[in-house]
Amino acid sequence: MTSRTLAACFVGIILALIILSAATILFIQAIA
């Protein structure tokens, strides 16, 4: 694994977490 591949994987994981948390917040607001 090169550092570039590792960085891309890291950014992908962070983006996925941000999208997941945003979707969860929207979902909770839709219910409440």
N, C-alpha and C. Protein backbone atom coordinates (compact mmCIF):
# COMPACT_ATOMS: atom_id res chain seq x y z
N MET A 1 0.85 -1.20 0.00
CA MET A 1 0.00 0.00 0.00
C MET A 1 0.88 1.25 0.00
N THR A 2 0.67 2.10 -0.97
CA THR A 2 1.41 3.35 -0.99
C THR A 2 0.72 4.37 -0.12
N SER A 3 1.41 5.44 0.20
CA SER A 3 0.82 6.46 1.06
C SER A 3 -0.37 7.12 0.36
N ARG A 4 -0.29 7.21 -0.99
CA ARG A 4 -1.40 7.82 -1.74
C ARG A 4 -2.66 6.97 -1.61
N THR A 5 -2.51 5.65 -1.73
CA THR A 5 -3.66 4.75 -1.61
C THR A 5 -4.23 4.83 -0.20
N LEU A 6 -3.34 4.88 0.80
CA LEU A 6 -3.77 4.95 2.19
C LEU A 6 -4.54 6.25 2.44
N ALA A 7 -4.05 7.35 1.88
CA ALA A 7 -4.72 8.63 2.07
C ALA A 7 -6.09 8.62 1.41
N ALA A 8 -6.18 8.04 0.21
CA ALA A 8 -7.47 7.98 -0.49
C ALA A 8 -8.46 7.15 0.30
N CYS A 9 -8.00 6.04 0.87
CA CYS A 9 -8.87 5.18 1.67
C CYS A 9 -9.33 5.94 2.92
N PHE A 10 -8.42 6.67 3.54
CA PHE A 10 -8.74 7.42 4.74
C PHE A 10 -9.79 8.49 4.45
N VAL A 11 -9.62 9.22 3.35
CA VAL A 11 -10.58 10.26 2.96
C VAL A 11 -11.93 9.64 2.67
N GLY A 12 -11.93 8.47 2.01
CA GLY A 12 -13.19 7.80 1.69
C GLY A 12 -13.94 7.42 2.95
N ILE A 13 -13.21 6.92 3.96
CA ILE A 13 -13.85 6.53 5.22
C ILE A 13 -14.43 7.75 5.92
N ILE A 14 -13.69 8.85 5.93
CA ILE A 14 -14.17 10.07 6.59
C ILE A 14 -15.42 10.60 5.89
N LEU A 15 -15.41 10.59 4.54
CA LEU A 15 -16.57 11.05 3.79
C LEU A 15 -17.78 10.18 4.09
N ALA A 16 -17.57 8.86 4.17
CA ALA A 16 -18.67 7.94 4.44
C ALA A 16 -19.25 8.22 5.83
N LEU A 17 -18.38 8.49 6.81
CA LEU A 17 -18.85 8.78 8.17
C LEU A 17 -19.66 10.08 8.20
N ILE A 18 -19.18 11.09 7.47
CA ILE A 18 -19.89 12.38 7.44
C ILE A 18 -21.26 12.21 6.81
N ILE A 19 -21.33 11.48 5.69
CA ILE A 19 -22.61 11.26 5.01
C ILE A 19 -23.55 10.47 5.92
N LEU A 20 -23.01 9.46 6.60
CA LEU A 20 -23.83 8.63 7.48
C LEU A 20 -24.39 9.45 8.63
N SER A 21 -23.56 10.30 9.23
CA SER A 21 -24.03 11.11 10.36
C SER A 21 -25.06 12.14 9.89
N ALA A 22 -24.85 12.72 8.72
CA ALA A 22 -25.81 13.69 8.18
C ALA A 22 -27.15 13.02 7.90
N ALA A 23 -27.11 11.82 7.33
CA ALA A 23 -28.35 11.09 7.04
C ALA A 23 -29.07 10.74 8.33
N THR A 24 -28.31 10.38 9.37
CA THR A 24 -28.92 10.03 10.65
C THR A 24 -29.61 11.25 11.26
N ILE A 25 -28.97 12.41 11.20
CA ILE A 25 -29.56 13.63 11.75
C ILE A 25 -30.84 13.98 11.00
N LEU A 26 -30.81 13.89 9.66
CA LEU A 26 -32.01 14.19 8.86
C LEU A 26 -33.12 13.21 9.19
N PHE A 27 -32.76 11.94 9.38
CA PHE A 27 -33.75 10.91 9.69
C PHE A 27 -34.41 11.19 11.03
N ILE A 28 -33.61 11.57 12.03
CA ILE A 28 -34.15 11.86 13.37
C ILE A 28 -35.05 13.10 13.31
N GLN A 29 -34.64 14.11 12.55
CA GLN A 29 -35.46 15.32 12.43
C GLN A 29 -36.78 15.01 11.73
N ALA A 30 -36.75 14.09 10.76
CA ALA A 30 -37.97 13.74 10.04
C ALA A 30 -38.96 13.03 10.96
N ILE A 31 -38.43 12.23 11.89
CA ILE A 31 -39.29 11.50 12.82
C ILE A 31 -39.85 12.45 13.88
N ALA A 32 -38.99 13.28 14.44
CA ALA A 32 -39.41 14.15 15.54
C ALA A 32 -40.40 15.22 15.07
